Every structure is written in C-alpha cells, then in structure tokens.
Amino acid sequence: MVLRIRPEQMACLDTSIRGTYVSSVVRFLRTQLPRESADLKERELRARAERGIDAAARHGITARWDVARFIACQLCLGEHFDTDPAHAWPQAVLARPYLTPSRKMDWIERHYLRPRRGRSPTVP
C-alpha cells in the first residue's frame, strides 16, 4: 500500500503548520514586547506576523527563532525596517553575504531588541 498525498492536501497541511507558527509568534510578541504590541488587535498582529515571515524569507531567514526575531524587529522599528532608508545599519547587516541568517539576527537583536526586553526571551 502506497500513501499518496494530493497537492491540495499538502497545501492544507502547510497552511495548518504556518498558522500554528504564527500563533506562537503572536504569543512571543505579546510576552516579550508588550508595549509595542499592546495597540494591535489579534488579527492585525497575526497579519503582520504573516507578512514578516515572507519578508524574512526574502533575506534568507527561515529558521523559526530567527524569523520570530525578524518580526520583533519589524514591530519595534517599523514593518519595512529592512528596506526603510532610516534604518541603514540593519539593512547593511542583512546584506552581508558572509554572515549566516542566525548571525545577522544575533547582531540586529543585540542592538535593537535586547534593550527593549531587558531579559532573555523564550523561543516561539
């Protein structure tokens, strides 16, 4: 017996996994950045997380923890911090080909997120 998964079933599974991850990112943002996320309704924060996943992927950032940190930066600096000329330093870090995606987010997190949180986060 061979198990076959149809493309539409695979798409449904991908959507379910992504939805679960988005929920964990929203919890992370509410816990770690309560002031920055306070004014956003649940639906708005979920939509921002969804867009953040796609924006992070454009920079080669796909690991769960790195993506969550990228989205946190979007919440703190603005959704388009990775393209906004006002944030040249993180853009320069994201453009460095010799840094791994995790190292890029380490640098950016150290500079922007840790001072806001004041403690070590938990992984979403």
PDB file of N, CA and C in Angstrom:
ATOM      1  N   MET A   1       0.838  -1.182   0.000  1.00  0.00           N
ATOM      2  CA  MET A   1       0.000   0.000   0.000  1.00  0.00           C
ATOM      3  C   MET A   1       0.887   1.251   0.000  1.00  0.00           C
ATOM      4  N   VAL A   2       0.589   2.169  -0.878  1.00  0.00           N
ATOM      5  CA  VAL A   2       1.337   3.406  -1.009  1.00  0.00           C
ATOM      6  C   VAL A   2       0.440   4.565  -0.583  1.00  0.00           C
ATOM      7  N   LEU A   3       0.981   5.367   0.285  1.00  0.00           N
ATOM      8  CA  LEU A   3       0.250   6.551   0.730  1.00  0.00           C
ATOM      9  C   LEU A   3       0.552   7.700  -0.224  1.00  0.00           C
ATOM     10  N   ARG A   4      -0.471   8.279  -0.763  1.00  0.00           N
ATOM     11  CA  ARG A   4      -0.301   9.410  -1.673  1.00  0.00           C
ATOM     12  C   ARG A   4      -1.005  10.625  -1.066  1.00  0.00           C
ATOM     13  N   ILE A   5      -0.271  11.722  -1.073  1.00  0.00           N
ATOM     14  CA  ILE A   5      -0.842  12.972  -0.578  1.00  0.00           C
ATOM     15  C   ILE A   5      -1.043  13.880  -1.784  1.00  0.00           C
ATOM     16  N   ARG A   6      -2.277  14.254  -1.989  1.00  0.00           N
ATOM     17  CA  ARG A   6      -2.600  15.131  -3.115  1.00  0.00           C
ATOM     18  C   ARG A   6      -2.067  16.539  -2.840  1.00  0.00           C
ATOM     19  N   PRO A   7      -1.771  17.300  -3.889  1.00  0.00           N
ATOM     20  CA  PRO A   7      -1.254  18.668  -3.715  1.00  0.00           C
ATOM     21  C   PRO A   7      -2.150  19.541  -2.834  1.00  0.00           C
ATOM     22  N   GLU A   8      -3.464  19.403  -2.992  1.00  0.00           N
ATOM     23  CA  GLU A   8      -4.359  20.222  -2.166  1.00  0.00           C
ATOM     24  C   GLU A   8      -4.294  19.819  -0.690  1.00  0.00           C
ATOM     25  N   GLN A   9      -4.030  18.542  -0.417  1.00  0.00           N
ATOM     26  CA  GLN A   9      -3.856  18.102   0.968  1.00  0.00           C
ATOM     27  C   GLN A   9      -2.550  18.660   1.542  1.00  0.00           C
ATOM     28  N   MET A  10      -1.514  18.656   0.736  1.00  0.00           N
ATOM     29  CA  MET A  10      -0.227  19.200   1.167  1.00  0.00           C
ATOM     30  C   MET A  10      -0.351  20.695   1.457  1.00  0.00           C
ATOM     31  N   ALA A  11      -1.052  21.406   0.615  1.00  0.00           N
ATOM     32  CA  ALA A  11      -1.259  22.843   0.833  1.00  0.00           C
ATOM     33  C   ALA A  11      -2.011  23.086   2.137  1.00  0.00           C
ATOM     34  N   CYS A  12      -2.999  22.264   2.424  1.00  0.00           N
ATOM     35  CA  CYS A  12      -3.762  22.391   3.664  1.00  0.00           C
ATOM     36  C   CYS A  12      -2.852  22.139   4.865  1.00  0.00           C
ATOM     37  N   LEU A  13      -1.995  21.147   4.775  1.00  0.00           N
ATOM     38  CA  LEU A  13      -1.053  20.848   5.852  1.00  0.00           C
ATOM     39  C   LEU A  13      -0.084  22.000   6.056  1.00  0.00           C
ATOM     40  N   ASP A  14       0.449  22.554   4.972  1.00  0.00           N
ATOM     41  CA  ASP A  14       1.356  23.705   5.065  1.00  0.00           C
ATOM     42  C   ASP A  14       0.677  24.891   5.741  1.00  0.00           C
ATOM     43  N   THR A  15      -0.580  25.139   5.385  1.00  0.00           N
ATOM     44  CA  THR A  15      -1.335  26.245   5.979  1.00  0.00           C
ATOM     45  C   THR A  15      -1.524  26.030   7.468  1.00  0.00           C
ATOM     46  N   SER A  16      -1.807  24.805   7.858  1.00  0.00           N
ATOM     47  CA  SER A  16      -2.014  24.487   9.273  1.00  0.00           C
ATOM     48  C   SER A  16      -0.734  24.680  10.081  1.00  0.00           C
ATOM     49  N   ILE A  17       0.384  24.226   9.547  1.00  0.00           N
ATOM     50  CA  ILE A  17       1.672  24.377  10.223  1.00  0.00           C
ATOM     51  C   ILE A  17       2.037  25.851  10.336  1.00  0.00           C
ATOM     52  N   ARG A  18       1.849  26.585   9.263  1.00  0.00           N
ATOM     53  CA  ARG A  18       2.154  28.021   9.287  1.00  0.00           C
ATOM     54  C   ARG A  18       1.257  28.743  10.295  1.00  0.00           C
ATOM     55  N   GLY A  19      -0.018  28.408  10.328  1.00  0.00           N
ATOM     56  CA  GLY A  19      -0.943  29.030  11.273  1.00  0.00           C
ATOM     57  C   GLY A  19      -0.539  28.785  12.713  1.00  0.00           C
ATOM     58  N   THR A  20      -0.083  27.587  13.004  1.00  0.00           N
ATOM     59  CA  THR A  20       0.388  27.262  14.352  1.00  0.00           C
ATOM     60  C   THR A  20       1.620  28.086  14.688  1.00  0.00           C
ATOM     61  N   TYR A  21       2.521  28.226  13.738  1.00  0.00           N
ATOM     62  CA  TYR A  21       3.721  29.031  13.969  1.00  0.00           C
ATOM     63  C   TYR A  21       3.363  30.502  14.174  1.00  0.00           C
ATOM     64  N   VAL A  22       2.462  31.031  13.370  1.00  0.00           N
ATOM     65  CA  VAL A  22       2.039  32.429  13.516  1.00  0.00           C
ATOM     66  C   VAL A  22       1.465  32.642  14.916  1.00  0.00           C
ATOM     67  N   SER A  23       0.673  31.715  15.397  1.00  0.00           N
ATOM     68  CA  SER A  23       0.118  31.829  16.754  1.00  0.00           C
ATOM     69  C   SER A  23       1.218  31.892  17.796  1.00  0.00           C
ATOM     70  N   SER A  24       2.260  31.093  17.625  1.00  0.00           N
ATOM     71  CA  SER A  24       3.361  31.108  18.595  1.00  0.00           C
ATOM     72  C   SER A  24       4.137  32.418  18.520  1.00  0.00           C
ATOM     73  N   VAL A  25       4.283  32.983  17.326  1.00  0.00           N
ATOM     74  CA  VAL A  25       4.967  34.274  17.180  1.00  0.00           C
ATOM     75  C   VAL A  25       4.145  35.374  17.840  1.00  0.00           C
ATOM     76  N   VAL A  26       2.841  35.353  17.673  1.00  0.00           N
ATOM     77  CA  VAL A  26       1.978  36.358  18.301  1.00  0.00           C
ATOM     78  C   VAL A  26       2.115  36.286  19.823  1.00  0.00           C
ATOM     79  N   ARG A  27       2.113  35.087  20.386  1.00  0.00           N
ATOM     80  CA  ARG A  27       2.312  34.929  21.846  1.00  0.00           C
ATOM     81  C   ARG A  27       3.672  35.478  22.267  1.00  0.00           C
ATOM     82  N   PHE A  28       4.696  35.178  21.473  1.00  0.00           N
ATOM     83  CA  PHE A  28       6.045  35.672  21.741  1.00  0.00           C
ATOM     84  C   PHE A  28       6.066  37.200  21.768  1.00  0.00           C
ATOM     85  N   LEU A  29       5.456  37.828  20.771  1.00  0.00           N
ATOM     86  CA  LEU A  29       5.445  39.289  20.702  1.00  0.00           C
ATOM     87  C   LEU A  29       4.669  39.893  21.866  1.00  0.00           C
ATOM     88  N   ARG A  30       3.548  39.315  22.200  1.00  0.00           N
ATOM     89  CA  ARG A  30       2.751  39.825  23.326  1.00  0.00           C
ATOM     90  C   ARG A  30       3.512  39.701  24.638  1.00  0.00           C
ATOM     91  N   THR A  31       4.266  38.628  24.795  1.00  0.00           N
ATOM     92  CA  THR A  31       5.016  38.390  26.031  1.00  0.00           C
ATOM     93  C   THR A  31       6.283  39.226  26.101  1.00  0.00           C
ATOM     94  N   GLN A  32       7.054  39.239  25.036  1.00  0.00           N
ATOM     95  CA  GLN A  32       8.364  39.869  25.045  1.00  0.00           C
ATOM     96  C   GLN A  32       8.329  41.367  24.750  1.00  0.00           C
ATOM     97  N   LEU A  33       7.344  41.797  24.002  1.00  0.00           N
ATOM     98  CA  LEU A  33       7.244  43.214  23.624  1.00  0.00           C
ATOM     99  C   LEU A  33       5.817  43.713  23.895  1.00  0.00           C
ATOM    100  N   PRO A  34       5.401  43.704  25.149  1.00  0.00           N
ATOM    101  CA  PRO A  34       4.008  44.049  25.456  1.00  0.00           C
ATOM    102  C   PRO A  34       3.630  45.482  25.083  1.00  0.00           C
ATOM    103  N   ARG A  35       4.522  46.426  25.285  1.00  0.00           N
ATOM    104  CA  ARG A  35       4.189  47.819  24.926  1.00  0.00           C
ATOM    105  C   ARG A  35       4.040  47.985  23.428  1.00  0.00           C
ATOM    106  N   GLU A  36       4.950  47.380  22.686  1.00  0.00           N
ATOM    107  CA  GLU A  36       4.939  47.535  21.236  1.00  0.00           C
ATOM    108  C   GLU A  36       3.743  46.830  20.588  1.00  0.00           C
ATOM    109  N   SER A  37       3.243  45.769  21.224  1.00  0.00           N
ATOM    110  CA  SER A  37       2.137  45.008  20.640  1.00  0.00           C
ATOM    111  C   SER A  37       0.778  45.363  21.240  1.00  0.00           C
ATOM    112  N   ALA A  38       0.761  46.185  22.271  1.00  0.00           N
ATOM    113  CA  ALA A  38      -0.478  46.467  23.008  1.00  0.00           C
ATOM    114  C   ALA A  38      -1.580  47.075  22.144  1.00  0.00           C
ATOM    115  N   ASP A  39      -1.235  47.957  21.237  1.00  0.00           N
ATOM    116  CA  ASP A  39      -2.248  48.658  20.443  1.00  0.00           C
ATOM    117  C   ASP A  39      -2.744  47.864  19.236  1.00  0.00           C
ATOM    118  N   LEU A  40      -2.156  46.719  19.006  1.00  0.00           N
ATOM    119  CA  LEU A  40      -2.547  45.918  17.841  1.00  0.00           C
ATOM    120  C   LEU A  40      -3.553  44.845  18.241  1.00  0.00           C
ATOM    121  N   LYS A  41      -4.629  44.771  17.489  1.00  0.00           N
ATOM    122  CA  LYS A  41      -5.605  43.704  17.695  1.00  0.00           C
ATOM    123  C   LYS A  41      -4.981  42.385  17.247  1.00  0.00           C
ATOM    124  N   GLU A  42      -5.546  41.298  17.724  1.00  0.00           N
ATOM    125  CA  GLU A  42      -5.024  39.962  17.400  1.00  0.00           C
ATOM    126  C   GLU A  42      -4.916  39.753  15.886  1.00  0.00           C
ATOM    127  N   ARG A  43      -5.954  40.109  15.169  1.00  0.00           N
ATOM    128  CA  ARG A  43      -5.959  39.912  13.708  1.00  0.00           C
ATOM    129  C   ARG A  43      -4.850  40.725  13.038  1.00  0.00           C
ATOM    130  N   GLU A  44      -4.638  41.963  13.507  1.00  0.00           N
ATOM    131  CA  GLU A  44      -3.587  42.811  12.935  1.00  0.00           C
ATOM    132  C   GLU A  44      -2.205  42.225  13.205  1.00  0.00           C
ATOM    133  N   LEU A  45      -2.007  41.764  14.423  1.00  0.00           N
ATOM    134  CA  LEU A  45      -0.700  41.203  14.783  1.00  0.00           C
ATOM    135  C   LEU A  45      -0.428  39.923  14.003  1.00  0.00           C
ATOM    136  N   ARG A  46      -1.445  39.103  13.829  1.00  0.00           N
ATOM    137  CA  ARG A  46      -1.290  37.886  13.016  1.00  0.00           C
ATOM    138  C   ARG A  46      -0.941  38.240  11.570  1.00  0.00           C
ATOM    139  N   ALA A  47      -1.604  39.253  11.024  1.00  0.00           N
ATOM    140  CA  ALA A  47      -1.326  39.661   9.641  1.00  0.00           C
ATOM    141  C   ALA A  47       0.103  40.183   9.519  1.00  0.00           C
ATOM    142  N   ARG A  48       0.555  40.924  10.511  1.00  0.00           N
ATOM    143  CA  ARG A  48       1.936  41.420  10.481  1.00  0.00           C
ATOM    144  C   ARG A  48       2.920  40.263  10.569  1.00  0.00           C
ATOM    145  N   ALA A  49       2.603  39.279  11.400  1.00  0.00           N
ATOM    146  CA  ALA A  49       3.479  38.105  11.507  1.00  0.00           C
ATOM    147  C   ALA A  49       3.537  37.355  10.176  1.00  0.00           C
ATOM    148  N   GLU A  50       2.389  37.212   9.537  1.00  0.00           N
ATOM    149  CA  GLU A  50       2.347  36.546   8.221  1.00  0.00           C
ATOM    150  C   GLU A  50       3.244  37.280   7.216  1.00  0.00           C
ATOM    151  N   ARG A  51       3.100  38.592   7.158  1.00  0.00           N
ATOM    152  CA  ARG A  51       3.929  39.371   6.228  1.00  0.00           C
ATOM    153  C   ARG A  51       5.402  39.308   6.630  1.00  0.00           C
ATOM    154  N   GLY A  52       5.659  39.270   7.920  1.00  0.00           N
ATOM    155  CA  GLY A  52       7.033  39.193   8.409  1.00  0.00           C
ATOM    156  C   GLY A  52       7.726  37.904   8.015  1.00  0.00           C
ATOM    157  N   ILE A  53       6.991  36.803   8.018  1.00  0.00           N
ATOM    158  CA  ILE A  53       7.559  35.519   7.593  1.00  0.00           C
ATOM    159  C   ILE A  53       8.046  35.632   6.154  1.00  0.00           C
ATOM    160  N   ASP A  54       7.222  36.230   5.308  1.00  0.00           N
ATOM    161  CA  ASP A  54       7.593  36.386   3.897  1.00  0.00           C
ATOM    162  C   ASP A  54       8.764  37.346   3.729  1.00  0.00           C
ATOM    163  N   ALA A  55       8.760  38.448   4.483  1.00  0.00           N
ATOM    164  CA  ALA A  55       9.860  39.422   4.383  1.00  0.00           C
ATOM    165  C   ALA A  55      11.171  38.795   4.850  1.00  0.00           C
ATOM    166  N   ALA A  56      11.131  38.042   5.930  1.00  0.00           N
ATOM    167  CA  ALA A  56      12.342  37.381   6.434  1.00  0.00           C
ATOM    168  C   ALA A  56      12.884  36.404   5.394  1.00  0.00           C
ATOM    169  N   ALA A  57      11.991  35.669   4.759  1.00  0.00           N
ATOM    170  CA  ALA A  57      12.417  34.694   3.745  1.00  0.00           C
ATOM    171  C   ALA A  57      13.141  35.375   2.585  1.00  0.00           C
ATOM    172  N   ARG A  58      12.753  36.597   2.260  1.00  0.00           N
ATOM    173  CA  ARG A  58      13.434  37.323   1.175  1.00  0.00           C
ATOM    174  C   ARG A  58      14.898  37.608   1.524  1.00  0.00           C
ATOM    175  N   HIS A  59      15.224  37.568   2.793  1.00  0.00           N
ATOM    176  CA  HIS A  59      16.612  37.761   3.236  1.00  0.00           C
ATOM    177  C   HIS A  59      17.288  36.428   3.566  1.00  0.00           C
ATOM    178  N   GLY A  60      16.634  35.329   3.243  1.00  0.00           N
ATOM    179  CA  GLY A  60      17.184  34.008   3.523  1.00  0.00           C
ATOM    180  C   GLY A  60      17.004  33.578   4.964  1.00  0.00           C
ATOM    181  N   ILE A  61      16.173  34.284   5.711  1.00  0.00           N
ATOM    182  CA  ILE A  61      15.942  33.981   7.123  1.00  0.00           C
ATOM    183  C   ILE A  61      14.700  33.095   7.197  1.00  0.00           C
ATOM    184  N   THR A  62      14.918  31.819   7.549  1.00  0.00           N
ATOM    185  CA  THR A  62      13.821  30.859   7.552  1.00  0.00           C
ATOM    186  C   THR A  62      13.712  30.045   8.839  1.00  0.00           C
ATOM    187  N   ALA A  63      14.731  30.054   9.667  1.00  0.00           N
ATOM    188  CA  ALA A  63      14.672  29.296  10.928  1.00  0.00           C
ATOM    189  C   ALA A  63      13.663  29.965  11.858  1.00  0.00           C
ATOM    190  N   ARG A  64      12.892  29.151  12.569  1.00  0.00           N
ATOM    191  CA  ARG A  64      11.796  29.664  13.406  1.00  0.00           C
ATOM    192  C   ARG A  64      12.231  30.805  14.319  1.00  0.00           C
ATOM    193  N   TRP A  65      13.294  30.606  15.061  1.00  0.00           N
ATOM    194  CA  TRP A  65      13.734  31.607  16.025  1.00  0.00           C
ATOM    195  C   TRP A  65      14.199  32.881  15.337  1.00  0.00           C
ATOM    196  N   ASP A  66      14.913  32.748  14.248  1.00  0.00           N
ATOM    197  CA  ASP A  66      15.398  33.918  13.505  1.00  0.00           C
ATOM    198  C   ASP A  66      14.225  34.707  12.903  1.00  0.00           C
ATOM    199  N   VAL A  67      13.240  34.002  12.384  1.00  0.00           N
ATOM    200  CA  VAL A  67      12.068  34.670  11.820  1.00  0.00           C
ATOM    201  C   VAL A  67      11.316  35.427  12.914  1.00  0.00           C
ATOM    202  N   ALA A  68      11.164  34.819  14.078  1.00  0.00           N
ATOM    203  CA  ALA A  68      10.478  35.491  15.193  1.00  0.00           C
ATOM    204  C   ALA A  68      11.214  36.771  15.576  1.00  0.00           C
ATOM    205  N   ARG A  69      12.534  36.726  15.597  1.00  0.00           N
ATOM    206  CA  ARG A  69      13.303  37.930  15.927  1.00  0.00           C
ATOM    207  C   ARG A  69      13.165  38.986  14.833  1.00  0.00           C
ATOM    208  N   PHE A  70      13.123  38.557  13.594  1.00  0.00           N
ATOM    209  CA  PHE A  70      12.931  39.492  12.481  1.00  0.00           C
ATOM    210  C   PHE A  70      11.590  40.205  12.636  1.00  0.00           C
ATOM    211  N   ILE A  71      10.542  39.448  12.935  1.00  0.00           N
ATOM    212  CA  ILE A  71       9.207  40.025  13.112  1.00  0.00           C
ATOM    213  C   ILE A  71       9.192  40.963  14.311  1.00  0.00           C
ATOM    214  N   ALA A  72       9.905  40.610  15.375  1.00  0.00           N
ATOM    215  CA  ALA A  72      10.002  41.502  16.534  1.00  0.00           C
ATOM    216  C   ALA A  72      10.669  42.819  16.141  1.00  0.00           C
ATOM    217  N   CYS A  73      11.686  42.744  15.298  1.00  0.00           N
ATOM    218  CA  CYS A  73      12.331  43.972  14.802  1.00  0.00           C
ATOM    219  C   CYS A  73      11.341  44.802  13.996  1.00  0.00           C
ATOM    220  N   GLN A  74      10.524  44.150  13.197  1.00  0.00           N
ATOM    221  CA  GLN A  74       9.507  44.885  12.447  1.00  0.00           C
ATOM    222  C   GLN A  74       8.560  45.620  13.395  1.00  0.00           C
ATOM    223  N   LEU A  75       8.211  44.974  14.483  1.00  0.00           N
ATOM    224  CA  LEU A  75       7.303  45.588  15.445  1.00  0.00           C
ATOM    225  C   LEU A  75       7.952  46.795  16.116  1.00  0.00           C
ATOM    226  N   CYS A  76       9.240  46.707  16.399  1.00  0.00           N
ATOM    227  CA  CYS A  76       9.952  47.785  17.091  1.00  0.00           C
ATOM    228  C   CYS A  76      10.375  48.921  16.163  1.00  0.00           C
ATOM    229  N   LEU A  77      10.813  48.574  14.972  1.00  0.00           N
ATOM    230  CA  LEU A  77      11.414  49.563  14.070  1.00  0.00           C
ATOM    231  C   LEU A  77      10.508  49.991  12.928  1.00  0.00           C
ATOM    232  N   GLY A  78       9.467  49.248  12.709  1.00  0.00           N
ATOM    233  CA  GLY A  78       8.579  49.505  11.578  1.00  0.00           C
ATOM    234  C   GLY A  78       8.597  48.309  10.648  1.00  0.00           C
ATOM    235  N   GLU A  79       7.465  48.040  10.067  1.00  0.00           N
ATOM    236  CA  GLU A  79       7.306  46.830   9.266  1.00  0.00           C
ATOM    237  C   GLU A  79       8.306  46.729   8.113  1.00  0.00           C
ATOM    238  N   HIS A  80       8.785  47.861   7.637  1.00  0.00           N
ATOM    239  CA  HIS A  80       9.704  47.843   6.498  1.00  0.00           C
ATOM    240  C   HIS A  80      11.115  48.275   6.905  1.00  0.00           C
ATOM    241  N   PHE A  81      11.507  47.928   8.122  1.00  0.00           N
ATOM    242  CA  PHE A  81      12.848  48.316   8.593  1.00  0.00           C
ATOM    243  C   PHE A  81      13.932  47.774   7.675  1.00  0.00           C
ATOM    244  N   ASP A  82      13.661  46.671   7.009  1.00  0.00           N
ATOM    245  CA  ASP A  82      14.662  46.053   6.142  1.00  0.00           C
ATOM    246  C   ASP A  82      14.825  46.767   4.805  1.00  0.00           C
ATOM    247  N   THR A  83      13.938  47.712   4.503  1.00  0.00           N
ATOM    248  CA  THR A  83      14.054  48.488   3.261  1.00  0.00           C
ATOM    249  C   THR A  83      13.973  49.992   3.492  1.00  0.00           C
ATOM    250  N   ASP A  84      13.603  50.415   4.670  1.00  0.00           N
ATOM    251  CA  ASP A  84      13.452  51.838   5.002  1.00  0.00           C
ATOM    252  C   ASP A  84      14.828  52.492   5.135  1.00  0.00           C
ATOM    253  N   PRO A  85      15.100  53.557   4.376  1.00  0.00           N
ATOM    254  CA  PRO A  85      16.404  54.233   4.455  1.00  0.00           C
ATOM    255  C   PRO A  85      16.747  54.752   5.857  1.00  0.00           C
ATOM    256  N   ALA A  86      15.756  54.927   6.691  1.00  0.00           N
ATOM    257  CA  ALA A  86      16.011  55.389   8.060  1.00  0.00           C
ATOM    258  C   ALA A  86      16.737  54.338   8.892  1.00  0.00           C
ATOM    259  N   HIS A  87      16.754  53.108   8.425  1.00  0.00           N
ATOM    260  CA  HIS A  87      17.396  52.013   9.164  1.00  0.00           C
ATOM    261  C   HIS A  87      18.512  51.383   8.327  1.00  0.00           C
ATOM    262  N   ALA A  88      19.502  52.183   8.000  1.00  0.00           N
ATOM    263  CA  ALA A  88      20.593  51.710   7.134  1.00  0.00           C
ATOM    264  C   ALA A  88      21.427  50.621   7.794  1.00  0.00           C
ATOM    265  N   TRP A  89      21.640  50.711   9.106  1.00  0.00           N
ATOM    266  CA  TRP A  89      22.508  49.730   9.760  1.00  0.00           C
ATOM    267  C   TRP A  89      21.946  48.309   9.683  1.00  0.00           C
ATOM    268  N   PRO A  90      20.684  48.065  10.063  1.00  0.00           N
ATOM    269  CA  PRO A  90      20.203  46.685   9.926  1.00  0.00           C
ATOM    270  C   PRO A  90      20.167  46.219   8.473  1.00  0.00           C
ATOM    271  N   GLN A  91      19.922  47.133   7.551  1.00  0.00           N
ATOM    272  CA  GLN A  91      19.945  46.753   6.140  1.00  0.00           C
ATOM    273  C   GLN A  91      21.340  46.285   5.730  1.00  0.00           C
ATOM    274  N   ALA A  92      22.359  46.985   6.230  1.00  0.00           N
ATOM    275  CA  ALA A  92      23.738  46.593   5.917  1.00  0.00           C
ATOM    276  C   ALA A  92      24.048  45.217   6.493  1.00  0.00           C
ATOM    277  N   VAL A  93      23.565  44.956   7.681  1.00  0.00           N
ATOM    278  CA  VAL A  93      23.782  43.637   8.302  1.00  0.00           C
ATOM    279  C   VAL A  93      23.079  42.561   7.485  1.00  0.00           C
ATOM    280  N   LEU A  94      21.833  42.807   7.122  1.00  0.00           N
ATOM    281  CA  LEU A  94      21.081  41.819   6.336  1.00  0.00           C
ATOM    282  C   LEU A  94      21.723  41.551   4.976  1.00  0.00           C
ATOM    283  N   ALA A  95      22.449  42.503   4.439  1.00  0.00           N
ATOM    284  CA  ALA A  95      23.067  42.361   3.113  1.00  0.00           C
ATOM    285  C   ALA A  95      24.426  41.666   3.148  1.00  0.00           C
ATOM    286  N   ARG A  96      24.990  41.420   4.314  1.00  0.00           N
ATOM    287  CA  ARG A  96      26.320  40.809   4.395  1.00  0.00           C
ATOM    288  C   ARG A  96      26.260  39.320   4.049  1.00  0.00           C
ATOM    289  N   PRO A  97      26.832  38.947   2.911  1.00  0.00           N
ATOM    290  CA  PRO A  97      26.732  37.552   2.462  1.00  0.00           C
ATOM    291  C   PRO A  97      27.555  36.572   3.300  1.00  0.00           C
ATOM    292  N   TYR A  98      28.548  37.060   4.016  1.00  0.00           N
ATOM    293  CA  TYR A  98      29.403  36.167   4.794  1.00  0.00           C
ATOM    294  C   TYR A  98      28.806  35.831   6.159  1.00  0.00           C
ATOM    295  N   LEU A  99      27.710  36.468   6.532  1.00  0.00           N
ATOM    296  CA  LEU A  99      27.051  36.158   7.802  1.00  0.00           C
ATOM    297  C   LEU A  99      25.913  35.169   7.560  1.00  0.00           C
ATOM    298  N   THR A 100      25.759  34.219   8.460  1.00  0.00           N
ATOM    299  CA  THR A 100      24.612  33.317   8.379  1.00  0.00           C
ATOM    300  C   THR A 100      23.359  34.094   8.769  1.00  0.00           C
ATOM    301  N   PRO A 101      22.195  33.610   8.389  1.00  0.00           N
ATOM    302  CA  PRO A 101      20.969  34.285   8.806  1.00  0.00           C
ATOM    303  C   PRO A 101      20.868  34.430  10.332  1.00  0.00           C
ATOM    304  N   SER A 102      21.279  33.406  11.057  1.00  0.00           N
ATOM    305  CA  SER A 102      21.223  33.482  12.528  1.00  0.00           C
ATOM    306  C   SER A 102      22.170  34.541  13.071  1.00  0.00           C
ATOM    307  N   ARG A 103      23.340  34.638  12.503  1.00  0.00           N
ATOM    308  CA  ARG A 103      24.310  35.642  12.953  1.00  0.00           C
ATOM    309  C   ARG A 103      23.787  37.060  12.648  1.00  0.00           C
ATOM    310  N   LYS A 104      23.182  37.228  11.489  1.00  0.00           N
ATOM    311  CA  LYS A 104      22.596  38.528  11.157  1.00  0.00           C
ATOM    312  C   LYS A 104      21.571  38.934  12.214  1.00  0.00           C
ATOM    313  N   MET A 105      20.702  37.991  12.561  1.00  0.00           N
ATOM    314  CA  MET A 105      19.671  38.308  13.549  1.00  0.00           C
ATOM    315  C   MET A 105      20.265  38.470  14.943  1.00  0.00           C
ATOM    316  N   ASP A 106      21.351  37.767  15.243  1.00  0.00           N
ATOM    317  CA  ASP A 106      22.043  37.979  16.529  1.00  0.00           C
ATOM    318  C   ASP A 106      22.497  39.424  16.644  1.00  0.00           C
ATOM    319  N   TRP A 107      23.122  39.930  15.598  1.00  0.00           N
ATOM    320  CA  TRP A 107      23.639  41.305  15.617  1.00  0.00           C
ATOM    321  C   TRP A 107      22.502  42.310  15.763  1.00  0.00           C
ATOM    322  N   ILE A 108      21.478  42.123  14.956  1.00  0.00           N
ATOM    323  CA  ILE A 108      20.355  43.068  14.984  1.00  0.00           C
ATOM    324  C   ILE A 108      19.622  42.986  16.323  1.00  0.00           C
ATOM    325  N   GLU A 109      19.426  41.780  16.808  1.00  0.00           N
ATOM    326  CA  GLU A 109      18.745  41.615  18.106  1.00  0.00           C
ATOM    327  C   GLU A 109      19.535  42.294  19.220  1.00  0.00           C
ATOM    328  N   ARG A 110      20.820  42.072  19.238  1.00  0.00           N
ATOM    329  CA  ARG A 110      21.658  42.660  20.282  1.00  0.00           C
ATOM    330  C   ARG A 110      21.538  44.184  20.296  1.00  0.00           C
ATOM    331  N   HIS A 111      21.457  44.754  19.140  1.00  0.00           N
ATOM    332  CA  HIS A 111      21.421  46.214  19.030  1.00  0.00           C
ATOM    333  C   HIS A 111      20.031  46.802  19.302  1.00  0.00           C
ATOM    334  N   TYR A 112      18.975  46.144  18.823  1.00  0.00           N
ATOM    335  CA  TYR A 112      17.633  46.730  18.891  1.00  0.00           C
ATOM    336  C   TYR A 112      16.682  46.078  19.879  1.00  0.00           C
ATOM    337  N   LEU A 113      16.713  44.755  20.002  1.00  0.00           N
ATOM    338  CA  LEU A 113      15.688  44.087  20.794  1.00  0.00           C
ATOM    339  C   LEU A 113      16.039  43.915  22.258  1.00  0.00           C
ATOM    340  N   ARG A 114      17.240  43.517  22.548  1.00  0.00           N
ATOM    341  CA  ARG A 114      17.600  43.275  23.958  1.00  0.00           C
ATOM    342  C   ARG A 114      17.389  44.485  24.848  1.00  0.00           C
ATOM    343  N   PRO A 115      17.754  45.682  24.407  1.00  0.00           N
ATOM    344  CA  PRO A 115      17.491  46.839  25.280  1.00  0.00           C
ATOM    345  C   PRO A 115      16.004  47.040  25.580  1.00  0.00           C
ATOM    346  N   ARG A 116      15.134  46.652  24.673  1.00  0.00           N
ATOM    347  CA  ARG A 116      13.685  46.808  24.878  1.00  0.00           C
ATOM    348  C   ARG A 116      13.133  45.743  25.806  1.00  0.00           C
ATOM    349  N   ARG A 117      13.649  44.531  25.711  1.00  0.00           N
ATOM    350  CA  ARG A 117      13.119  43.426  26.502  1.00  0.00           C
ATOM    351  C   ARG A 117      13.685  43.404  27.903  1.00  0.00           C
ATOM    352  N   GLY A 118      15.002  43.599  28.007  1.00  0.00           N
ATOM    353  CA  GLY A 118      15.643  43.578  29.305  1.00  0.00           C
ATOM    354  C   GLY A 118      15.827  42.182  29.885  1.00  0.00           C
ATOM    355  N   ARG A 119      15.513  41.143  29.129  1.00  0.00           N
ATOM    356  CA  ARG A 119      15.711  39.776  29.605  1.00  0.00           C
ATOM    357  C   ARG A 119      15.810  38.843  28.406  1.00  0.00           C
ATOM    358  N   SER A 120      16.260  37.639  28.659  1.00  0.00           N
ATOM    359  CA  SER A 120      16.364  36.667  27.578  1.00  0.00           C
ATOM    360  C   SER A 120      14.981  36.138  27.222  1.00  0.00           C
ATOM    361  N   PRO A 121      14.676  36.032  25.946  1.00  0.00           N
ATOM    362  CA  PRO A 121      13.363  35.559  25.517  1.00  0.00           C
ATOM    363  C   PRO A 121      13.278  34.050  25.499  1.00  0.00           C
ATOM    364  N   THR A 122      12.051  33.550  25.363  1.00  0.00           N
ATOM    365  CA  THR A 122      11.854  32.138  25.139  1.00  0.00           C
ATOM    366  C   THR A 122      11.573  31.941  23.667  1.00  0.00           C
ATOM    367  N   VAL A 123      11.999  30.823  23.148  1.00  0.00           N
ATOM    368  CA  VAL A 123      11.859  30.542  21.720  1.00  0.00           C
ATOM    369  C   VAL A 123      10.403  30.216  21.394  1.00  0.00           C
ATOM    370  N   PRO A 124       9.830  30.871  20.373  1.00  0.00           N
ATOM    371  CA  PRO A 124       8.460  30.549  19.979  1.00  0.00           C
ATOM    372  C   PRO A 124       8.387  29.240  19.225  1.00  0.00           C
TER     373      PRO A 124
END
